[in-house]
PDB file of N, CA and C in Angstrom:
ATOM      1  N   MET A   1     128.064 222.274 158.188  1.00  0.00           N
ATOM      2  CA  MET A   1     127.968 224.208 158.037  1.00  0.00           C
ATOM      3  C   MET A   1     128.878 223.901 157.291  1.00  0.00           C
ATOM      4  N   LEU A   2     128.317 225.117 156.183  1.00  0.00           N
ATOM      5  CA  LEU A   2     129.391 225.084 155.357  1.00  0.00           C
ATOM      6  C   LEU A   2     129.778 227.402 156.018  1.00  0.00           C
ATOM      7  N   LYS A   3     131.117 226.683 156.023  1.00  0.00           N
ATOM      8  CA  LYS A   3     132.002 227.661 156.948  1.00  0.00           C
ATOM      9  C   LYS A   3     132.083 229.176 155.250  1.00  0.00           C
ATOM     10  N   LEU A   4     132.404 230.384 155.912  1.00  0.00           N
ATOM     11  CA  LEU A   4     132.321 231.190 154.602  1.00  0.00           C
ATOM     12  C   LEU A   4     132.945 232.650 155.138  1.00  0.00           C
ATOM     13  N   LEU A   5     134.068 233.174 154.314  1.00  0.00           N
ATOM     14  CA  LEU A   5     134.406 234.084 155.044  1.00  0.00           C
ATOM     15  C   LEU A   5     134.741 235.417 153.749  1.00  0.00           C
ATOM     16  N   ILE A   6     133.904 236.602 154.026  1.00  0.00           N
ATOM     17  CA  ILE A   6     133.876 238.013 153.717  1.00  0.00           C
ATOM     18  C   ILE A   6     135.106 238.691 153.610  1.00  0.00           C
ATOM     19  N   VAL A   7     135.867 238.871 152.896  1.00  0.00           N
ATOM     20  CA  VAL A   7     136.376 240.027 152.514  1.00  0.00           C
ATOM     21  C   VAL A   7     136.563 241.206 151.878  1.00  0.00           C
ATOM     22  N   GLU A   8     136.479 241.959 152.500  1.00  0.00           N
ATOM     23  CA  GLU A   8     135.741 243.277 152.106  1.00  0.00           C
ATOM     24  C   GLU A   8     136.366 244.948 152.974  1.00  0.00           C
ATOM     25  N   ASP A   9     136.677 245.381 152.723  1.00  0.00           N
ATOM     26  CA  ASP A   9     137.419 247.153 153.288  1.00  0.00           C
ATOM     27  C   ASP A   9     136.278 247.625 153.407  1.00  0.00           C
ATOM     28  N   GLU A  10     135.093 247.738 152.730  1.00  0.00           N
ATOM     29  CA  GLU A  10     134.511 248.938 153.141  1.00  0.00           C
ATOM     30  C   GLU A  10     133.323 247.860 154.091  1.00  0.00           C
ATOM     31  N   THR A  11     132.796 248.643 154.836  1.00  0.00           N
ATOM     32  CA  THR A  11     131.586 248.280 155.797  1.00  0.00           C
ATOM     33  C   THR A  11     130.137 248.193 155.038  1.00  0.00           C
ATOM     34  N   PRO A  12     130.213 249.011 154.793  1.00  0.00           N
ATOM     35  CA  PRO A  12     128.391 248.943 153.816  1.00  0.00           C
ATOM     36  C   PRO A  12     128.399 247.636 152.440  1.00  0.00           C
ATOM     37  N   ALA A  13     129.591 247.598 152.009  1.00  0.00           N
ATOM     38  CA  ALA A  13     129.764 246.361 151.120  1.00  0.00           C
ATOM     39  C   ALA A  13     129.492 244.803 152.233  1.00  0.00           C
ATOM     40  N   ARG A  14     130.499 245.077 152.708  1.00  0.00           N
ATOM     41  CA  ARG A  14     130.680 243.521 153.727  1.00  0.00           C
ATOM     42  C   ARG A  14     129.194 243.302 154.286  1.00  0.00           C
ATOM     43  N   LYS A  15     128.179 244.613 154.840  1.00  0.00           N
ATOM     44  CA  LYS A  15     127.263 243.987 155.244  1.00  0.00           C
ATOM     45  C   LYS A  15     126.211 243.657 153.949  1.00  0.00           C
ATOM     46  N   GLU A  16     126.236 244.655 153.092  1.00  0.00           N
ATOM     47  CA  GLU A  16     125.107 243.857 152.316  1.00  0.00           C
ATOM     48  C   GLU A  16     125.371 242.799 151.419  1.00  0.00           C
ATOM     49  N   LEU A  17     126.733 242.243 151.203  1.00  0.00           N
ATOM     50  CA  LEU A  17     127.133 240.527 150.667  1.00  0.00           C
ATOM     51  C   LEU A  17     127.040 239.487 151.955  1.00  0.00           C
ATOM     52  N   ARG A  18     127.290 239.978 153.036  1.00  0.00           N
ATOM     53  CA  ARG A  18     126.381 238.486 153.978  1.00  0.00           C
ATOM     54  C   ARG A  18     124.632 238.832 153.938  1.00  0.00           C
ATOM     55  N   TYR A  19     124.249 240.219 153.814  1.00  0.00           N
ATOM     56  CA  TYR A  19     122.613 240.201 153.528  1.00  0.00           C
ATOM     57  C   TYR A  19     122.751 239.026 152.079  1.00  0.00           C
ATOM     58  N   LEU A  20     123.190 239.546 151.082  1.00  0.00           N
ATOM     59  CA  LEU A  20     122.731 238.919 149.937  1.00  0.00           C
ATOM     60  C   LEU A  20     123.403 237.249 150.388  1.00  0.00           C
ATOM     61  N   ILE A  21     124.055 236.899 150.906  1.00  0.00           N
ATOM     62  CA  ILE A  21     124.712 235.148 151.137  1.00  0.00           C
ATOM     63  C   ILE A  21     123.096 234.718 151.972  1.00  0.00           C
ATOM     64  N   GLU A  22     123.139 235.380 152.722  1.00  0.00           N
ATOM     65  CA  GLU A  22     122.409 234.652 153.899  1.00  0.00           C
ATOM     66  C   GLU A  22     120.641 234.556 153.428  1.00  0.00           C
ATOM     67  N   GLU A  23     119.970 235.688 152.205  1.00  0.00           N
ATOM     68  CA  GLU A  23     118.332 235.738 151.809  1.00  0.00           C
ATOM     69  C   GLU A  23     119.001 234.467 150.616  1.00  0.00           C
ATOM     70  N   ALA A  24     120.070 234.105 150.240  1.00  0.00           N
ATOM     71  CA  ALA A  24     120.116 233.249 149.142  1.00  0.00           C
ATOM     72  C   ALA A  24     120.184 231.566 149.395  1.00  0.00           C
ATOM     73  N   SER A  25     121.022 231.349 150.422  1.00  0.00           N
ATOM     74  CA  SER A  25     121.175 230.460 151.685  1.00  0.00           C
ATOM     75  C   SER A  25     119.857 229.741 151.641  1.00  0.00           C
ATOM     76  N   SER A  26     119.732 228.316 151.944  1.00  0.00           N
ATOM     77  CA  SER A  26     118.567 227.562 152.133  1.00  0.00           C
ATOM     78  C   SER A  26     118.148 227.520 153.089  1.00  0.00           C
ATOM     79  N   PRO A  27     117.011 227.716 154.102  1.00  0.00           N
ATOM     80  CA  PRO A  27     116.764 227.743 155.267  1.00  0.00           C
ATOM     81  C   PRO A  27     117.238 226.185 156.269  1.00  0.00           C
ATOM     82  N   VAL A  28     117.780 225.586 155.630  1.00  0.00           N
ATOM     83  CA  VAL A  28     117.941 224.161 156.171  1.00  0.00           C
ATOM     84  C   VAL A  28     119.205 224.186 156.363  1.00  0.00           C
ATOM     85  N   GLU A  29     120.078 224.917 155.532  1.00  0.00           N
ATOM     86  CA  GLU A  29     121.685 224.823 155.277  1.00  0.00           C
ATOM     87  C   GLU A  29     122.300 225.980 156.477  1.00  0.00           C
ATOM     88  N   ALA A  30     122.716 225.116 157.432  1.00  0.00           N
ATOM     89  CA  ALA A  30     123.852 225.788 158.228  1.00  0.00           C
ATOM     90  C   ALA A  30     124.629 227.099 157.701  1.00  0.00           C
ATOM     91  N   LEU A  31     124.732 228.418 158.026  1.00  0.00           N
ATOM     92  CA  LEU A  31     126.054 228.859 157.404  1.00  0.00           C
ATOM     93  C   LEU A  31     126.867 229.483 158.746  1.00  0.00           C
ATOM     94  N   GLN A  32     127.865 229.938 158.317  1.00  0.00           N
ATOM     95  CA  GLN A  32     128.728 230.260 159.713  1.00  0.00           C
ATOM     96  C   GLN A  32     129.258 231.055 158.908  1.00  0.00           C
ATOM     97  N   ILE A  33     129.009 232.512 158.885  1.00  0.00           N
ATOM     98  CA  ILE A  33     129.985 233.944 158.137  1.00  0.00           C
ATOM     99  C   ILE A  33     130.597 234.269 159.049  1.00  0.00           C
ATOM    100  N   ARG A  34     132.255 234.725 158.681  1.00  0.00           N
ATOM    101  CA  ARG A  34     133.206 235.253 159.281  1.00  0.00           C
ATOM    102  C   ARG A  34     133.579 236.425 158.021  1.00  0.00           C
ATOM    103  N   GLU A  35     134.012 237.589 158.923  1.00  0.00           N
ATOM    104  CA  GLU A  35     134.055 238.803 157.809  1.00  0.00           C
ATOM    105  C   GLU A  35     135.738 239.197 158.332  1.00  0.00           C
ATOM    106  N   ALA A  36     136.430 239.698 157.389  1.00  0.00           N
ATOM    107  CA  ALA A  36     137.654 240.489 157.489  1.00  0.00           C
ATOM    108  C   ALA A  36     137.565 241.951 156.525  1.00  0.00           C
ATOM    109  N   LYS A  37     138.330 243.088 157.422  1.00  0.00           N
ATOM    110  CA  LYS A  37     138.109 244.259 156.860  1.00  0.00           C
ATOM    111  C   LYS A  37     139.284 244.202 155.941  1.00  0.00           C
ATOM    112  N   ASN A  38     140.573 243.571 155.808  1.00  0.00           N
ATOM    113  CA  ASN A  38     141.365 243.348 154.812  1.00  0.00           C
ATOM    114  C   ASN A  38     142.403 242.224 154.765  1.00  0.00           C
ATOM    115  N   GLY A  39     143.593 242.045 153.681  1.00  0.00           N
ATOM    116  CA  GLY A  39     144.034 240.687 153.515  1.00  0.00           C
ATOM    117  C   GLY A  39     145.044 240.348 154.743  1.00  0.00           C
ATOM    118  N   ARG A  40     145.069 241.539 155.585  1.00  0.00           N
ATOM    119  CA  ARG A  40     145.766 240.628 157.201  1.00  0.00           C
ATOM    120  C   ARG A  40     144.874 239.600 157.751  1.00  0.00           C
ATOM    121  N   GLU A  41     143.843 240.374 158.123  1.00  0.00           N
ATOM    122  CA  GLU A  41     142.745 240.112 158.570  1.00  0.00           C
ATOM    123  C   GLU A  41     142.197 238.476 157.823  1.00  0.00           C
ATOM    124  N   ALA A  42     142.023 238.436 156.581  1.00  0.00           N
ATOM    125  CA  ALA A  42     141.837 237.076 155.920  1.00  0.00           C
ATOM    126  C   ALA A  42     142.858 236.407 156.253  1.00  0.00           C
ATOM    127  N   LEU A  43     144.337 236.641 156.327  1.00  0.00           N
ATOM    128  CA  LEU A  43     144.726 235.305 156.188  1.00  0.00           C
ATOM    129  C   LEU A  43     145.274 235.065 157.914  1.00  0.00           C
ATOM    130  N   GLU A  44     144.864 236.176 158.757  1.00  0.00           N
ATOM    131  CA  GLU A  44     144.808 235.468 159.885  1.00  0.00           C
ATOM    132  C   GLU A  44     143.508 234.374 160.152  1.00  0.00           C
ATOM    133  N   THR A  45     142.146 234.260 159.354  1.00  0.00           N
ATOM    134  CA  THR A  45     141.011 233.982 159.761  1.00  0.00           C
ATOM    135  C   THR A  45     141.326 232.323 159.206  1.00  0.00           C
ATOM    136  N   VAL A  46     142.330 232.645 157.601  1.00  0.00           N
ATOM    137  CA  VAL A  46     142.359 231.371 157.241  1.00  0.00           C
ATOM    138  C   VAL A  46     143.136 230.393 157.790  1.00  0.00           C
ATOM    139  N   ALA A  47     144.133 230.999 158.714  1.00  0.00           N
ATOM    140  CA  ALA A  47     145.368 230.436 159.081  1.00  0.00           C
ATOM    141  C   ALA A  47     144.639 229.802 160.882  1.00  0.00           C
ATOM    142  N   THR A  48     143.631 230.060 160.734  1.00  0.00           N
ATOM    143  CA  THR A  48     142.829 230.085 162.543  1.00  0.00           C
ATOM    144  C   THR A  48     141.585 229.380 162.558  1.00  0.00           C
ATOM    145  N   GLN A  49     140.952 229.538 161.290  1.00  0.00           N
ATOM    146  CA  GLN A  49     139.594 228.939 161.625  1.00  0.00           C
ATOM    147  C   GLN A  49     139.669 227.889 160.203  1.00  0.00           C
ATOM    148  N   GLU A  50     138.838 227.077 159.861  1.00  0.00           N
ATOM    149  CA  GLU A  50     138.103 226.602 158.956  1.00  0.00           C
ATOM    150  C   GLU A  50     137.204 226.797 158.090  1.00  0.00           C
ATOM    151  N   ILE A  51     137.406 227.281 156.807  1.00  0.00           N
ATOM    152  CA  ILE A  51     137.185 227.845 155.831  1.00  0.00           C
ATOM    153  C   ILE A  51     136.695 227.377 154.685  1.00  0.00           C
ATOM    154  N   ASP A  52     135.095 227.490 154.032  1.00  0.00           N
ATOM    155  CA  ASP A  52     135.339 226.931 153.011  1.00  0.00           C
ATOM    156  C   ASP A  52     135.547 227.520 151.937  1.00  0.00           C
ATOM    157  N   ALA A  53     134.904 228.446 151.733  1.00  0.00           N
ATOM    158  CA  ALA A  53     134.691 229.419 150.938  1.00  0.00           C
ATOM    159  C   ALA A  53     135.122 230.913 151.278  1.00  0.00           C
ATOM    160  N   ALA A  54     135.785 231.801 150.294  1.00  0.00           N
ATOM    161  CA  ALA A  54     136.050 232.978 150.509  1.00  0.00           C
ATOM    162  C   ALA A  54     135.336 233.851 149.439  1.00  0.00           C
ATOM    163  N   PHE A  55     134.304 235.312 149.722  1.00  0.00           N
ATOM    164  CA  PHE A  55     134.093 236.407 149.045  1.00  0.00           C
ATOM    165  C   PHE A  55     135.097 237.548 149.229  1.00  0.00           C
ATOM    166  N   ILE A  56     136.066 237.638 148.279  1.00  0.00           N
ATOM    167  CA  ILE A  56     136.562 238.516 148.177  1.00  0.00           C
ATOM    168  C   ILE A  56     136.435 240.152 147.160  1.00  0.00           C
ATOM    169  N   ASP A  57     136.843 240.907 147.728  1.00  0.00           N
ATOM    170  CA  ASP A  57     136.965 242.308 146.932  1.00  0.00           C
ATOM    171  C   ASP A  57     138.169 242.373 146.362  1.00  0.00           C
ATOM    172  N   VAL A  58     138.250 243.090 145.135  1.00  0.00           N
ATOM    173  CA  VAL A  58     139.703 242.965 144.172  1.00  0.00           C
ATOM    174  C   VAL A  58     140.670 244.008 144.947  1.00  0.00           C
ATOM    175  N   ASN A  59     139.989 244.937 145.521  1.00  0.00           N
ATOM    176  CA  ASN A  59     140.776 246.376 145.442  1.00  0.00           C
ATOM    177  C   ASN A  59     140.662 246.570 147.603  1.00  0.00           C
ATOM    178  N   LEU A  60     141.371 245.911 148.139  1.00  0.00           N
ATOM    179  CA  LEU A  60     141.197 246.120 149.381  1.00  0.00           C
ATOM    180  C   LEU A  60     142.392 246.591 150.521  1.00  0.00           C
ATOM    181  N   GLY A  61     142.965 247.694 149.689  1.00  0.00           N
ATOM    182  CA  GLY A  61     143.842 248.970 150.621  1.00  0.00           C
ATOM    183  C   GLY A  61     144.980 248.267 150.632  1.00  0.00           C
ATOM    184  N   ASP A  62     144.939 246.857 151.853  1.00  0.00           N
ATOM    185  CA  ASP A  62     146.365 246.446 151.638  1.00  0.00           C
ATOM    186  C   ASP A  62     147.201 245.539 151.180  1.00  0.00           C
ATOM    187  N   ILE A  63     146.338 245.103 150.566  1.00  0.00           N
ATOM    188  CA  ILE A  63     146.488 243.962 149.107  1.00  0.00           C
ATOM    189  C   ILE A  63     145.839 243.949 148.102  1.00  0.00           C
ATOM    190  N   GLU A  64     146.314 243.576 146.841  1.00  0.00           N
ATOM    191  CA  GLU A  64     145.117 242.883 145.811  1.00  0.00           C
ATOM    192  C   GLU A  64     144.397 241.809 146.075  1.00  0.00           C
ATOM    193  N   GLY A  65     143.457 242.175 146.094  1.00  0.00           N
ATOM    194  CA  GLY A  65     142.509 240.859 145.774  1.00  0.00           C
ATOM    195  C   GLY A  65     143.025 239.455 144.990  1.00  0.00           C
ATOM    196  N   ILE A  66     143.379 239.241 144.364  1.00  0.00           N
ATOM    197  CA  ILE A  66     144.079 238.416 143.684  1.00  0.00           C
ATOM    198  C   ILE A  66     145.267 237.883 143.922  1.00  0.00           C
ATOM    199  N   ASN A  67     146.303 238.927 144.348  1.00  0.00           N
ATOM    200  CA  ASN A  67     147.388 238.263 145.258  1.00  0.00           C
ATOM    201  C   ASN A  67     146.796 237.577 146.806  1.00  0.00           C
ATOM    202  N   LEU A  68     145.620 238.666 147.232  1.00  0.00           N
ATOM    203  CA  LEU A  68     145.476 237.505 148.701  1.00  0.00           C
ATOM    204  C   LEU A  68     144.818 235.867 148.263  1.00  0.00           C
ATOM    205  N   ALA A  69     144.013 236.196 146.922  1.00  0.00           N
ATOM    206  CA  ALA A  69     143.424 234.901 146.496  1.00  0.00           C
ATOM    207  C   ALA A  69     144.468 233.787 146.756  1.00  0.00           C
ATOM    208  N   GLN A  70     145.609 234.328 145.932  1.00  0.00           N
ATOM    209  CA  GLN A  70     146.839 233.271 145.672  1.00  0.00           C
ATOM    210  C   GLN A  70     147.615 232.855 146.757  1.00  0.00           C
ATOM    211  N   GLU A  71     147.503 233.465 147.914  1.00  0.00           N
ATOM    212  CA  GLU A  71     148.152 233.126 149.189  1.00  0.00           C
ATOM    213  C   GLU A  71     147.206 232.204 150.176  1.00  0.00           C
ATOM    214  N   LEU A  72     145.907 232.621 149.591  1.00  0.00           N
ATOM    215  CA  LEU A  72     144.933 231.856 150.919  1.00  0.00           C
ATOM    216  C   LEU A  72     145.001 230.413 149.926  1.00  0.00           C
ATOM    217  N   LEU A  73     145.162 230.219 148.762  1.00  0.00           N
ATOM    218  CA  LEU A  73     145.142 228.823 148.235  1.00  0.00           C
ATOM    219  C   LEU A  73     146.473 228.200 148.832  1.00  0.00           C
ATOM    220  N   ARG A  74     147.373 229.030 148.665  1.00  0.00           N
ATOM    221  CA  ARG A  74     148.517 228.313 149.368  1.00  0.00           C
ATOM    222  C   ARG A  74     148.062 227.770 150.662  1.00  0.00           C
ATOM    223  N   MET A  75     147.633 228.073 151.363  1.00  0.00           N
ATOM    224  CA  MET A  75     147.210 227.554 152.596  1.00  0.00           C
ATOM    225  C   MET A  75     146.224 226.800 152.646  1.00  0.00           C
ATOM    226  N   ARG A  76     145.328 226.854 152.160  1.00  0.00           N
ATOM    227  CA  ARG A  76     143.994 226.087 151.723  1.00  0.00           C
ATOM    228  C   ARG A  76     143.812 225.625 150.367  1.00  0.00           C
ATOM    229  N   LYS A  77     144.693 224.733 149.691  1.00  0.00           N
ATOM    230  CA  LYS A  77     144.132 224.177 148.391  1.00  0.00           C
ATOM    231  C   LYS A  77     143.140 223.805 148.099  1.00  0.00           C
ATOM    232  N   ASN A  78     141.762 223.692 148.419  1.00  0.00           N
ATOM    233  CA  ASN A  78     140.485 223.137 148.457  1.00  0.00           C
ATOM    234  C   ASN A  78     140.091 224.233 148.718  1.00  0.00           C
ATOM    235  N   LEU A  79     140.078 225.451 149.097  1.00  0.00           N
ATOM    236  CA  LEU A  79     139.214 226.677 149.085  1.00  0.00           C
ATOM    237  C   LEU A  79     138.974 226.933 148.389  1.00  0.00           C
ATOM    238  N   LYS A  80     137.628 227.247 147.904  1.00  0.00           N
ATOM    239  CA  LYS A  80     136.292 228.181 146.868  1.00  0.00           C
ATOM    240  C   LYS A  80     136.898 229.319 146.661  1.00  0.00           C
ATOM    241  N   ILE A  81     137.210 230.050 145.789  1.00  0.00           N
ATOM    242  CA  ILE A  81     137.360 231.538 145.715  1.00  0.00           C
ATOM    243  C   ILE A  81     136.212 232.424 145.022  1.00  0.00           C
ATOM    244  N   VAL A  82     135.261 233.237 145.445  1.00  0.00           N
ATOM    245  CA  VAL A  82     134.587 233.899 144.572  1.00  0.00           C
ATOM    246  C   VAL A  82     134.767 235.348 144.509  1.00  0.00           C
ATOM    247  N   PHE A  83     134.637 236.184 143.832  1.00  0.00           N
ATOM    248  CA  PHE A  83     135.442 238.057 143.689  1.00  0.00           C
ATOM    249  C   PHE A  83     134.130 238.268 143.688  1.00  0.00           C
ATOM    250  N   ALA A  84     133.870 239.275 144.568  1.00  0.00           N
ATOM    251  CA  ALA A  84     132.561 240.278 144.509  1.00  0.00           C
ATOM    252  C   ALA A  84     133.211 241.425 144.674  1.00  0.00           C
ATOM    253  N   THR A  85     133.465 242.270 143.524  1.00  0.00           N
ATOM    254  CA  THR A  85     134.136 243.438 143.216  1.00  0.00           C
ATOM    255  C   THR A  85     133.265 244.626 142.265  1.00  0.00           C
ATOM    256  N   ALA A  86     133.351 245.782 142.154  1.00  0.00           N
ATOM    257  CA  ALA A  86     133.027 246.608 140.982  1.00  0.00           C
ATOM    258  C   ALA A  86     133.856 246.390 139.963  1.00  0.00           C
ATOM    259  N   TYR A  87     135.053 246.107 140.016  1.00  0.00           N
ATOM    260  CA  TYR A  87     135.497 245.965 138.868  1.00  0.00           C
ATOM    261  C   TYR A  87     136.201 245.088 138.176  1.00  0.00           C
ATOM    262  N   ASP A  88     135.965 245.127 137.102  1.00  0.00           N
ATOM    263  CA  ASP A  88     135.410 244.134 135.802  1.00  0.00           C
ATOM    264  C   ASP A  88     136.678 243.915 135.223  1.00  0.00           C
ATOM    265  N   GLU A  89     137.810 244.423 135.431  1.00  0.00           N
ATOM    266  CA  GLU A  89     138.881 244.210 134.502  1.00  0.00           C
ATOM    267  C   GLU A  89     139.726 242.933 135.095  1.00  0.00           C
ATOM    268  N   TYR A  90     139.769 242.453 136.077  1.00  0.00           N
ATOM    269  CA  TYR A  90     140.380 241.589 136.936  1.00  0.00           C
ATOM    270  C   TYR A  90     139.786 240.329 136.775  1.00  0.00           C
ATOM    271  N   ALA A  91     138.555 239.995 135.800  1.00  0.00           N
ATOM    272  CA  ALA A  91     138.094 238.658 135.783  1.00  0.00           C
ATOM    273  C   ALA A  91     138.750 238.035 134.969  1.00  0.00           C
ATOM    274  N   VAL A  92     139.557 238.042 134.226  1.00  0.00           N
ATOM    275  CA  VAL A  92     140.345 236.860 133.650  1.00  0.00           C
ATOM    276  C   VAL A  92     141.329 236.386 134.537  1.00  0.00           C
ATOM    277  N   GLU A  93     142.088 237.455 135.152  1.00  0.00           N
ATOM    278  CA  GLU A  93     143.216 237.006 136.407  1.00  0.00           C
ATOM    279  C   GLU A  93     142.283 235.758 137.142  1.00  0.00           C
ATOM    280  N   ALA A  94     141.195 236.333 137.801  1.00  0.00           N
ATOM    281  CA  ALA A  94     140.389 235.560 138.806  1.00  0.00           C
ATOM    282  C   ALA A  94     140.081 234.210 138.279  1.00  0.00           C
ATOM    283  N   PHE A  95     139.906 234.034 136.760  1.00  0.00           N
ATOM    284  CA  PHE A  95     139.199 232.447 136.858  1.00  0.00           C
ATOM    285  C   PHE A  95     140.505 231.819 136.400  1.00  0.00           C
ATOM    286  N   LYS A  96     142.079 232.731 136.409  1.00  0.00           N
ATOM    287  CA  LYS A  96     143.486 231.654 136.258  1.00  0.00           C
ATOM    288  C   LYS A  96     143.489 230.995 137.164  1.00  0.00           C
ATOM    289  N   LEU A  97     142.689 231.663 138.455  1.00  0.00           N
ATOM    290  CA  LEU A  97     143.028 231.048 139.702  1.00  0.00           C
ATOM    291  C   LEU A  97     142.162 230.107 140.255  1.00  0.00           C
ATOM    292  N   ASN A  98     141.156 229.747 139.199  1.00  0.00           N
ATOM    293  CA  ASN A  98     140.158 228.963 139.130  1.00  0.00           C
ATOM    294  C   ASN A  98     138.942 229.243 139.948  1.00  0.00           C
ATOM    295  N   ALA A  99     138.932 230.823 140.056  1.00  0.00           N
ATOM    296  CA  ALA A  99     138.281 231.136 141.121  1.00  0.00           C
ATOM    297  C   ALA A  99     136.432 230.264 140.560  1.00  0.00           C
ATOM    298  N   LEU A 100     135.571 230.144 141.761  1.00  0.00           N
ATOM    299  CA  LEU A 100     134.593 229.851 141.098  1.00  0.00           C
ATOM    300  C   LEU A 100     133.656 230.648 140.740  1.00  0.00           C
ATOM    301  N   ASP A 101     133.392 231.967 140.885  1.00  0.00           N
ATOM    302  CA  ASP A 101     132.601 232.764 139.990  1.00  0.00           C
ATOM    303  C   ASP A 101     133.373 234.638 140.117  1.00  0.00           C
ATOM    304  N   TYR A 102     132.951 235.580 139.745  1.00  0.00           N
ATOM    305  CA  TYR A 102     133.128 236.617 139.510  1.00  0.00           C
ATOM    306  C   TYR A 102     131.699 237.427 139.390  1.00  0.00           C
ATOM    307  N   ILE A 103     131.401 237.987 140.747  1.00  0.00           N
ATOM    308  CA  ILE A 103     130.270 238.947 141.243  1.00  0.00           C
ATOM    309  C   ILE A 103     130.629 240.502 140.869  1.00  0.00           C
ATOM    310  N   LEU A 104     129.934 240.973 139.775  1.00  0.00           N
ATOM    311  CA  LEU A 104     130.065 242.477 139.307  1.00  0.00           C
ATOM    312  C   LEU A 104     129.128 243.062 140.180  1.00  0.00           C
TER     313      LEU A 104
END
C-alpha cells in the first residue's frame, strides 16, 4: 500500500489534488491518502504515521513548503517529496532538496 500525505492550506486545492491522485492511480494499487492543512499537522502526521510521499504546497501560512520539506526529510530520509503549487519561483530550491517533481 502506498501511503501519501497532501499538505495544502486551501480545502478546494487539497480536494482537487486528492481527486487527481486517485484518478491517476492504478485500480490495482492500494492508496492511503492523509491530508494536512498546515505544516504543524504535516509534522505530526509524519511523526506518527508511516508516509511514503508528501505532496506539499509552497505557501502554507504557518511555514514555507520548502522549510517544511527540509524538516520532513530530517524525520524521514526516504520520504519522496512532490511540490504542488501555483508558485514557479521555488522550483530550483525544490529540486535542490531532490524533490521528485514540481507540479504547477
